[in-house]
Amino acid sequence: MQAEPAKQAAADSDSKYDEDIFDPSLNLEETHVKEGYKDGFHDGLVLGQQEGREVGLKVGFEVGEEIGFYCGCVDVWNSAIQAKSSCFTPHVQKNVKQMEELIKRYPILDPENESVQDIMDSLRAKFKAVSASLSISSSSSMKLEYDGLLKSSGANDLEF
């Protein structure tokens, strides 16, 4: 009976040696793939955050610039309406007032708000309507346009 446990122990120790010798080499590729994935994932997060910050700054600046332009136009138009309202049709005055309300409703501090694009589209449409109405009603050829900082020459060299 004692020979039986000795054979079993020898067989167990032989299988341990076989597993210990070949396990690292068999799992080498899998280990490297897992480590590479983990390293790549971490590096991707870091680069993604950097790229996201740069894109966010650029897009945020462009949106702020456009909103500021519309705000300035509304301020000028409101001043002109107060000075001589007879030069502006009731329809134009209504559109200017609606633009002012849209600017106030624009969620500057909440860019993930779902209404951002709708408000911006409405602002652009109202601006075009007011601009078209003013250029038709004025005797001189008034041209109201703003190309923006990033669209001028050399602006592509700007970095944040």
N, C-alpha and C. Protein backbone atom coordinates (compact mmCIF):
# COMPACT_ATOMS: atom_id res chain seq x y z
N MET A 1 0.79 -1.19 0.00
CA MET A 1 0.00 0.00 0.00
C MET A 1 0.83 1.25 0.00
N GLN A 2 2.00 1.15 0.56
CA GLN A 2 2.83 2.35 0.61
C GLN A 2 3.40 2.68 -0.76
N ALA A 3 3.53 1.73 -1.61
CA ALA A 3 4.06 1.97 -2.95
C ALA A 3 3.06 2.78 -3.76
N GLU A 4 1.79 2.55 -3.49
CA GLU A 4 0.75 3.28 -4.22
C GLU A 4 0.80 4.79 -3.95
N PRO A 5 0.85 5.29 -2.69
CA PRO A 5 0.96 6.73 -2.46
C PRO A 5 2.25 7.31 -3.01
N ALA A 6 3.33 6.55 -3.00
CA ALA A 6 4.59 7.05 -3.52
C ALA A 6 4.50 7.28 -5.02
N LYS A 7 3.84 6.36 -5.74
CA LYS A 7 3.67 6.53 -7.19
C LYS A 7 2.80 7.73 -7.48
N GLN A 8 1.75 7.91 -6.68
CA GLN A 8 0.85 9.06 -6.86
C GLN A 8 1.59 10.37 -6.62
N ALA A 9 2.41 10.43 -5.59
CA ALA A 9 3.19 11.63 -5.28
C ALA A 9 4.18 11.93 -6.39
N ALA A 10 4.81 10.88 -6.93
CA ALA A 10 5.76 11.07 -8.02
C ALA A 10 5.05 11.58 -9.26
N ALA A 11 3.86 11.07 -9.53
CA ALA A 11 3.09 11.51 -10.70
C ALA A 11 2.66 12.96 -10.53
N ASP A 12 2.23 13.35 -9.32
CA ASP A 12 1.84 14.73 -9.05
C ASP A 12 3.01 15.68 -9.21
N SER A 13 4.18 15.27 -8.69
CA SER A 13 5.35 16.14 -8.78
C SER A 13 5.81 16.27 -10.23
N ASP A 14 5.68 15.19 -11.02
CA ASP A 14 6.05 15.26 -12.44
C ASP A 14 5.13 16.22 -13.19
N SER A 15 3.84 16.20 -12.91
CA SER A 15 2.90 17.08 -13.60
C SER A 15 3.13 18.54 -13.18
N LYS A 16 3.53 18.76 -11.92
CA LYS A 16 3.85 20.12 -11.47
C LYS A 16 5.05 20.66 -12.22
N TYR A 17 6.03 19.80 -12.40
CA TYR A 17 7.22 20.26 -13.11
C TYR A 17 6.90 20.54 -14.57
N ASP A 18 6.06 19.72 -15.18
CA ASP A 18 5.68 19.94 -16.57
C ASP A 18 4.92 21.26 -16.72
N GLU A 19 3.97 21.55 -15.83
CA GLU A 19 3.20 22.79 -15.89
C GLU A 19 4.09 24.00 -15.62
N ASP A 20 4.94 23.92 -14.64
CA ASP A 20 5.79 25.05 -14.27
C ASP A 20 6.76 25.40 -15.39
N ILE A 21 7.23 24.41 -16.11
CA ILE A 21 8.21 24.67 -17.16
C ILE A 21 7.54 25.31 -18.38
N PHE A 22 6.38 24.84 -18.77
CA PHE A 22 5.78 25.27 -20.02
C PHE A 22 4.72 26.36 -19.88
N ASP A 23 4.18 26.55 -18.69
CA ASP A 23 3.13 27.55 -18.51
C ASP A 23 3.57 28.95 -18.90
N PRO A 24 4.70 29.44 -18.43
CA PRO A 24 5.09 30.81 -18.82
C PRO A 24 5.27 30.98 -20.33
N SER A 25 5.82 29.98 -20.98
CA SER A 25 6.04 30.12 -22.42
C SER A 25 4.73 30.00 -23.20
N LEU A 26 3.81 29.19 -22.69
CA LEU A 26 2.53 29.07 -23.37
C LEU A 26 1.68 30.32 -23.20
N ASN A 27 1.77 30.96 -22.06
CA ASN A 27 0.96 32.15 -21.77
C ASN A 27 1.70 33.46 -22.07
N LEU A 28 2.87 33.36 -22.64
CA LEU A 28 3.68 34.56 -22.90
C LEU A 28 2.97 35.54 -23.83
N GLU A 29 2.43 35.05 -24.92
CA GLU A 29 1.74 35.92 -25.86
C GLU A 29 0.51 36.57 -25.22
N GLU A 30 -0.27 35.76 -24.51
CA GLU A 30 -1.45 36.28 -23.84
C GLU A 30 -1.08 37.32 -22.79
N THR A 31 -0.02 37.09 -22.06
CA THR A 31 0.44 38.04 -21.05
C THR A 31 0.86 39.36 -21.69
N HIS A 32 1.60 39.27 -22.80
CA HIS A 32 2.04 40.48 -23.50
C HIS A 32 0.86 41.23 -24.10
N VAL A 33 -0.12 40.52 -24.62
CA VAL A 33 -1.30 41.16 -25.19
C VAL A 33 -2.05 41.91 -24.10
N LYS A 34 -2.23 41.28 -22.94
CA LYS A 34 -2.94 41.94 -21.84
C LYS A 34 -2.18 43.16 -21.34
N GLU A 35 -0.87 43.04 -21.18
CA GLU A 35 -0.07 44.19 -20.73
C GLU A 35 -0.09 45.31 -21.77
N GLY A 36 0.02 44.94 -23.05
CA GLY A 36 -0.01 45.94 -24.11
C GLY A 36 -1.36 46.65 -24.18
N TYR A 37 -2.43 45.90 -24.01
CA TYR A 37 -3.77 46.50 -24.01
C TYR A 37 -3.90 47.48 -22.85
N LYS A 38 -3.46 47.06 -21.67
CA LYS A 38 -3.55 47.91 -20.48
C LYS A 38 -2.73 49.19 -20.67
N ASP A 39 -1.50 49.05 -21.17
CA ASP A 39 -0.66 50.23 -21.42
C ASP A 39 -1.27 51.13 -22.49
N GLY A 40 -1.75 50.53 -23.57
CA GLY A 40 -2.35 51.31 -24.66
C GLY A 40 -3.62 52.01 -24.22
N PHE A 41 -4.41 51.35 -23.41
CA PHE A 41 -5.64 51.95 -22.90
C PHE A 41 -5.32 53.17 -22.04
N HIS A 42 -4.35 53.03 -21.17
CA HIS A 42 -3.95 54.15 -20.30
C HIS A 42 -3.41 55.31 -21.13
N ASP A 43 -2.52 55.01 -22.09
CA ASP A 43 -1.97 56.06 -22.94
C ASP A 43 -3.06 56.72 -23.78
N GLY A 44 -4.02 55.93 -24.25
CA GLY A 44 -5.14 56.47 -25.03
C GLY A 44 -6.00 57.42 -24.21
N LEU A 45 -6.21 57.08 -22.94
CA LEU A 45 -6.97 57.98 -22.08
C LEU A 45 -6.27 59.32 -21.91
N VAL A 46 -4.97 59.27 -21.69
CA VAL A 46 -4.20 60.51 -21.50
C VAL A 46 -4.23 61.35 -22.78
N LEU A 47 -3.97 60.73 -23.92
CA LEU A 47 -3.98 61.47 -25.18
C LEU A 47 -5.38 61.95 -25.54
N GLY A 48 -6.39 61.14 -25.24
CA GLY A 48 -7.77 61.54 -25.51
C GLY A 48 -8.18 62.75 -24.70
N GLN A 49 -7.74 62.81 -23.45
CA GLN A 49 -8.05 63.97 -22.62
C GLN A 49 -7.36 65.21 -23.17
N GLN A 50 -6.11 65.08 -23.58
CA GLN A 50 -5.39 66.23 -24.13
C GLN A 50 -6.05 66.72 -25.41
N GLU A 51 -6.35 65.79 -26.30
CA GLU A 51 -6.98 66.17 -27.57
C GLU A 51 -8.37 66.75 -27.34
N GLY A 52 -9.12 66.17 -26.42
CA GLY A 52 -10.45 66.68 -26.10
C GLY A 52 -10.39 68.09 -25.55
N ARG A 53 -9.40 68.37 -24.72
CA ARG A 53 -9.23 69.71 -24.16
C ARG A 53 -8.93 70.72 -25.27
N GLU A 54 -8.04 70.34 -26.20
CA GLU A 54 -7.68 71.25 -27.29
C GLU A 54 -8.88 71.52 -28.21
N VAL A 55 -9.61 70.47 -28.55
CA VAL A 55 -10.79 70.64 -29.42
C VAL A 55 -11.86 71.44 -28.69
N GLY A 56 -12.03 71.17 -27.40
CA GLY A 56 -13.01 71.91 -26.61
C GLY A 56 -12.70 73.39 -26.54
N LEU A 57 -11.42 73.71 -26.36
CA LEU A 57 -11.02 75.13 -26.33
C LEU A 57 -11.30 75.81 -27.67
N LYS A 58 -10.95 75.11 -28.73
CA LYS A 58 -11.13 75.71 -30.06
C LYS A 58 -12.62 75.90 -30.37
N VAL A 59 -13.41 74.87 -30.16
CA VAL A 59 -14.84 74.96 -30.46
C VAL A 59 -15.52 75.94 -29.52
N GLY A 60 -15.15 75.91 -28.24
CA GLY A 60 -15.72 76.84 -27.28
C GLY A 60 -15.42 78.28 -27.63
N PHE A 61 -14.20 78.54 -28.09
CA PHE A 61 -13.83 79.88 -28.51
C PHE A 61 -14.66 80.32 -29.71
N GLU A 62 -14.82 79.42 -30.68
CA GLU A 62 -15.59 79.76 -31.88
C GLU A 62 -17.06 80.05 -31.53
N VAL A 63 -17.63 79.24 -30.66
CA VAL A 63 -19.02 79.44 -30.26
C VAL A 63 -19.15 80.75 -29.49
N GLY A 64 -18.23 81.00 -28.57
CA GLY A 64 -18.28 82.24 -27.81
C GLY A 64 -18.11 83.46 -28.69
N GLU A 65 -17.26 83.34 -29.69
CA GLU A 65 -17.05 84.43 -30.64
C GLU A 65 -18.34 84.71 -31.43
N GLU A 66 -18.99 83.65 -31.86
CA GLU A 66 -20.23 83.82 -32.64
C GLU A 66 -21.35 84.40 -31.78
N ILE A 67 -21.50 83.88 -30.56
CA ILE A 67 -22.52 84.41 -29.65
C ILE A 67 -22.23 85.88 -29.34
N GLY A 68 -20.96 86.21 -29.12
CA GLY A 68 -20.58 87.60 -28.86
C GLY A 68 -20.90 88.50 -30.04
N PHE A 69 -20.70 88.01 -31.23
CA PHE A 69 -21.02 88.79 -32.44
C PHE A 69 -22.51 89.08 -32.50
N TYR A 70 -23.31 88.03 -32.27
CA TYR A 70 -24.77 88.23 -32.30
C TYR A 70 -25.21 89.18 -31.18
N CYS A 71 -24.60 89.07 -30.03
CA CYS A 71 -24.93 89.94 -28.90
C CYS A 71 -24.60 91.40 -29.24
N GLY A 72 -23.46 91.61 -29.87
CA GLY A 72 -23.09 92.96 -30.29
C GLY A 72 -24.05 93.52 -31.33
N CYS A 73 -24.45 92.69 -32.28
CA CYS A 73 -25.41 93.14 -33.29
C CYS A 73 -26.75 93.51 -32.65
N VAL A 74 -27.21 92.68 -31.73
CA VAL A 74 -28.48 92.95 -31.04
C VAL A 74 -28.38 94.25 -30.26
N ASP A 75 -27.26 94.48 -29.58
CA ASP A 75 -27.07 95.73 -28.84
C ASP A 75 -27.12 96.94 -29.76
N VAL A 76 -26.45 96.86 -30.90
CA VAL A 76 -26.45 97.97 -31.86
C VAL A 76 -27.85 98.19 -32.41
N TRP A 77 -28.53 97.10 -32.79
CA TRP A 77 -29.88 97.23 -33.34
C TRP A 77 -30.85 97.78 -32.31
N ASN A 78 -30.74 97.32 -31.06
CA ASN A 78 -31.62 97.86 -30.00
C ASN A 78 -31.37 99.35 -29.77
N SER A 79 -30.11 99.74 -29.82
CA SER A 79 -29.80 101.18 -29.68
C SER A 79 -30.38 101.98 -30.83
N ALA A 80 -30.27 101.45 -32.03
CA ALA A 80 -30.82 102.13 -33.20
C ALA A 80 -32.35 102.18 -33.14
N ILE A 81 -32.96 101.11 -32.65
CA ILE A 81 -34.42 101.07 -32.51
C ILE A 81 -34.87 102.12 -31.49
N GLN A 82 -34.14 102.25 -30.39
CA GLN A 82 -34.49 103.25 -29.38
C GLN A 82 -34.31 104.67 -29.92
N ALA A 83 -33.27 104.86 -30.72
CA ALA A 83 -33.01 106.18 -31.27
C ALA A 83 -34.05 106.57 -32.31
N LYS A 84 -34.39 105.65 -33.21
CA LYS A 84 -35.34 105.97 -34.28
C LYS A 84 -36.05 104.68 -34.70
N SER A 85 -37.07 104.34 -33.98
CA SER A 85 -37.77 103.07 -34.23
C SER A 85 -38.51 103.05 -35.56
N SER A 86 -38.78 104.21 -36.13
CA SER A 86 -39.51 104.25 -37.39
C SER A 86 -38.70 103.68 -38.55
N CYS A 87 -37.39 103.56 -38.37
CA CYS A 87 -36.54 102.99 -39.42
C CYS A 87 -36.60 101.47 -39.46
N PHE A 88 -37.18 100.87 -38.44
CA PHE A 88 -37.25 99.42 -38.35
C PHE A 88 -38.71 98.97 -38.38
N THR A 89 -39.00 98.00 -39.21
CA THR A 89 -40.36 97.47 -39.28
C THR A 89 -40.66 96.69 -37.99
N PRO A 90 -41.94 96.55 -37.66
CA PRO A 90 -42.29 95.75 -36.48
C PRO A 90 -41.76 94.31 -36.56
N HIS A 91 -41.71 93.77 -37.77
CA HIS A 91 -41.19 92.41 -37.96
C HIS A 91 -39.71 92.34 -37.59
N VAL A 92 -38.92 93.30 -38.03
CA VAL A 92 -37.50 93.35 -37.70
C VAL A 92 -37.31 93.53 -36.20
N GLN A 93 -38.10 94.43 -35.60
CA GLN A 93 -38.00 94.65 -34.16
C GLN A 93 -38.33 93.36 -33.38
N LYS A 94 -39.31 92.63 -33.86
CA LYS A 94 -39.68 91.37 -33.22
C LYS A 94 -38.54 90.35 -33.34
N ASN A 95 -37.93 90.26 -34.51
CA ASN A 95 -36.81 89.34 -34.71
C ASN A 95 -35.61 89.71 -33.84
N VAL A 96 -35.34 91.00 -33.70
CA VAL A 96 -34.23 91.44 -32.84
C VAL A 96 -34.51 91.05 -31.39
N LYS A 97 -35.75 91.24 -30.95
CA LYS A 97 -36.14 90.87 -29.59
C LYS A 97 -36.01 89.36 -29.39
N GLN A 98 -36.40 88.57 -30.40
CA GLN A 98 -36.28 87.11 -30.31
C GLN A 98 -34.82 86.67 -30.26
N MET A 99 -33.97 87.37 -31.02
CA MET A 99 -32.53 87.07 -30.96
C MET A 99 -31.99 87.33 -29.56
N GLU A 100 -32.41 88.44 -28.96
CA GLU A 100 -31.97 88.77 -27.61
C GLU A 100 -32.39 87.68 -26.62
N GLU A 101 -33.59 87.19 -26.76
CA GLU A 101 -34.08 86.12 -25.88
C GLU A 101 -33.32 84.82 -26.10
N LEU A 102 -33.02 84.52 -27.36
CA LEU A 102 -32.24 83.31 -27.65
C LEU A 102 -30.84 83.39 -27.05
N ILE A 103 -30.23 84.55 -27.13
CA ILE A 103 -28.89 84.73 -26.54
C ILE A 103 -28.95 84.53 -25.03
N LYS A 104 -29.97 85.05 -24.40
CA LYS A 104 -30.12 84.88 -22.95
C LYS A 104 -30.37 83.41 -22.58
N ARG A 105 -31.05 82.68 -23.44
CA ARG A 105 -31.36 81.27 -23.17
C ARG A 105 -30.20 80.33 -23.50
N TYR A 106 -29.21 80.82 -24.22
CA TYR A 106 -28.11 79.94 -24.64
C TYR A 106 -27.34 79.45 -23.41
N PRO A 107 -27.22 78.12 -23.25
CA PRO A 107 -26.56 77.56 -22.06
C PRO A 107 -25.03 77.57 -22.18
N ILE A 108 -24.43 78.71 -21.94
CA ILE A 108 -22.98 78.85 -22.09
C ILE A 108 -22.23 77.92 -21.15
N LEU A 109 -22.71 77.78 -19.93
CA LEU A 109 -22.01 76.96 -18.94
C LEU A 109 -22.42 75.49 -18.97
N ASP A 110 -23.29 75.12 -19.89
CA ASP A 110 -23.73 73.73 -20.01
C ASP A 110 -23.68 73.30 -21.47
N PRO A 111 -22.47 73.05 -22.00
CA PRO A 111 -22.34 72.73 -23.43
C PRO A 111 -22.95 71.38 -23.81
N GLU A 112 -23.24 70.54 -22.85
CA GLU A 112 -23.85 69.25 -23.16
C GLU A 112 -25.37 69.32 -23.21
N ASN A 113 -25.91 70.51 -22.99
CA ASN A 113 -27.35 70.70 -23.06
C ASN A 113 -27.81 70.40 -24.49
N GLU A 114 -28.91 69.70 -24.60
CA GLU A 114 -29.40 69.28 -25.91
C GLU A 114 -29.94 70.43 -26.75
N SER A 115 -30.26 71.54 -26.12
CA SER A 115 -30.85 72.66 -26.86
C SER A 115 -29.80 73.57 -27.49
N VAL A 116 -28.53 73.31 -27.26
CA VAL A 116 -27.45 74.17 -27.77
C VAL A 116 -27.54 74.36 -29.28
N GLN A 117 -27.62 73.26 -30.00
CA GLN A 117 -27.63 73.35 -31.47
C GLN A 117 -28.91 73.99 -31.98
N ASP A 118 -30.03 73.71 -31.36
CA ASP A 118 -31.30 74.32 -31.78
C ASP A 118 -31.27 75.83 -31.60
N ILE A 119 -30.76 76.28 -30.46
CA ILE A 119 -30.69 77.72 -30.20
C ILE A 119 -29.74 78.38 -31.18
N MET A 120 -28.60 77.75 -31.44
CA MET A 120 -27.63 78.34 -32.37
C MET A 120 -28.22 78.41 -33.79
N ASP A 121 -28.91 77.37 -34.20
CA ASP A 121 -29.54 77.39 -35.52
C ASP A 121 -30.60 78.49 -35.61
N SER A 122 -31.37 78.66 -34.54
CA SER A 122 -32.39 79.72 -34.51
C SER A 122 -31.75 81.09 -34.55
N LEU A 123 -30.65 81.26 -33.82
CA LEU A 123 -29.94 82.55 -33.84
C LEU A 123 -29.44 82.88 -35.24
N ARG A 124 -28.86 81.89 -35.90
CA ARG A 124 -28.34 82.12 -37.25
C ARG A 124 -29.48 82.50 -38.21
N ALA A 125 -30.59 81.80 -38.09
CA ALA A 125 -31.73 82.10 -38.97
C ALA A 125 -32.28 83.50 -38.71
N LYS A 126 -32.42 83.86 -37.44
CA LYS A 126 -32.93 85.20 -37.09
C LYS A 126 -31.96 86.28 -37.58
N PHE A 127 -30.67 86.02 -37.42
CA PHE A 127 -29.67 86.99 -37.88
C PHE A 127 -29.78 87.20 -39.38
N LYS A 128 -29.91 86.12 -40.11
CA LYS A 128 -30.05 86.23 -41.57
C LYS A 128 -31.32 86.99 -41.94
N ALA A 129 -32.39 86.73 -41.21
CA ALA A 129 -33.66 87.42 -41.50
C ALA A 129 -33.54 88.91 -41.24
N VAL A 130 -32.96 89.27 -40.10
CA VAL A 130 -32.81 90.70 -39.78
C VAL A 130 -31.86 91.36 -40.77
N SER A 131 -30.75 90.71 -41.06
CA SER A 131 -29.78 91.29 -42.01
C SER A 131 -30.40 91.48 -43.38
N ALA A 132 -31.15 90.50 -43.83
CA ALA A 132 -31.80 90.61 -45.14
C ALA A 132 -32.83 91.72 -45.13
N SER A 133 -33.60 91.83 -44.07
CA SER A 133 -34.62 92.89 -43.98
C SER A 133 -33.98 94.27 -43.95
N LEU A 134 -32.88 94.41 -43.24
CA LEU A 134 -32.22 95.71 -43.14
C LEU A 134 -31.55 96.11 -44.45
N SER A 135 -30.99 95.16 -45.16
CA SER A 135 -30.32 95.51 -46.42
C SER A 135 -31.34 95.81 -47.51
N ILE A 136 -32.53 95.23 -47.44
CA ILE A 136 -33.58 95.51 -48.41
C ILE A 136 -34.18 96.89 -48.13
N SER A 137 -34.41 97.16 -46.84
CA SER A 137 -35.09 98.41 -46.50
C SER A 137 -34.17 99.62 -46.54
N SER A 138 -32.88 99.43 -46.46
CA SER A 138 -31.99 100.60 -46.47
C SER A 138 -31.64 100.98 -47.91
N SER A 139 -31.46 102.26 -48.12
CA SER A 139 -31.15 102.72 -49.47
C SER A 139 -29.69 102.44 -49.82
N SER A 140 -28.81 102.46 -48.83
CA SER A 140 -27.41 102.14 -49.10
C SER A 140 -27.20 100.64 -49.01
N SER A 141 -26.17 100.17 -49.60
CA SER A 141 -25.91 98.73 -49.55
C SER A 141 -25.13 98.42 -48.27
N MET A 142 -25.87 98.13 -47.22
CA MET A 142 -25.26 97.81 -45.94
C MET A 142 -24.85 96.35 -45.95
N LYS A 143 -23.61 96.10 -45.57
CA LYS A 143 -23.12 94.73 -45.53
C LYS A 143 -22.64 94.45 -44.12
N LEU A 144 -23.32 93.55 -43.44
CA LEU A 144 -22.98 93.21 -42.07
C LEU A 144 -22.45 91.80 -42.06
N GLU A 145 -21.17 91.68 -41.81
CA GLU A 145 -20.56 90.37 -41.85
C GLU A 145 -19.34 90.36 -40.95
N TYR A 146 -19.02 89.18 -40.42
CA TYR A 146 -17.88 89.03 -39.54
C TYR A 146 -17.22 87.71 -39.83
N ASP A 147 -15.98 87.75 -40.26
CA ASP A 147 -15.28 86.53 -40.63
C ASP A 147 -14.73 85.79 -39.42
N GLY A 148 -14.44 86.48 -38.36
CA GLY A 148 -13.93 85.83 -37.15
C GLY A 148 -12.43 85.73 -37.14
N LEU A 149 -11.90 85.58 -35.94
CA LEU A 149 -10.46 85.51 -35.75
C LEU A 149 -9.85 84.28 -36.39
N LEU A 150 -10.45 83.12 -36.18
CA LEU A 150 -9.85 81.88 -36.64
C LEU A 150 -9.89 81.72 -38.15
N LYS A 151 -10.67 82.53 -38.83
CA LYS A 151 -10.74 82.41 -40.28
C LYS A 151 -9.79 83.36 -40.98
N SER A 152 -9.13 84.24 -40.23
CA SER A 152 -8.21 85.18 -40.85
C SER A 152 -6.87 84.51 -41.11
N SER A 153 -6.02 85.15 -41.89
CA SER A 153 -4.73 84.56 -42.22
C SER A 153 -3.85 84.48 -40.98
N GLY A 154 -3.16 83.38 -40.86
CA GLY A 154 -2.26 83.18 -39.73
C GLY A 154 -2.96 82.70 -38.47
N ALA A 155 -4.26 82.60 -38.49
CA ALA A 155 -4.99 82.17 -37.29
C ALA A 155 -4.82 80.67 -37.05
N ASN A 156 -4.48 79.93 -38.09
CA ASN A 156 -4.29 78.49 -37.92
C ASN A 156 -3.06 78.20 -37.08
N ASP A 157 -2.18 79.16 -36.91
CA ASP A 157 -0.98 78.97 -36.14
C ASP A 157 -1.21 79.15 -34.64
N LEU A 158 -2.41 79.56 -34.27
CA LEU A 158 -2.72 79.76 -32.86
C LEU A 158 -2.79 78.45 -32.14
N GLU A 159 -2.22 78.39 -30.95
CA GLU A 159 -2.30 77.19 -30.14
C GLU A 159 -2.71 77.59 -28.75
N PHE A 160 -3.46 76.73 -28.11
CA PHE A 160 -3.91 76.97 -26.75
C PHE A 160 -3.09 76.17 -25.78
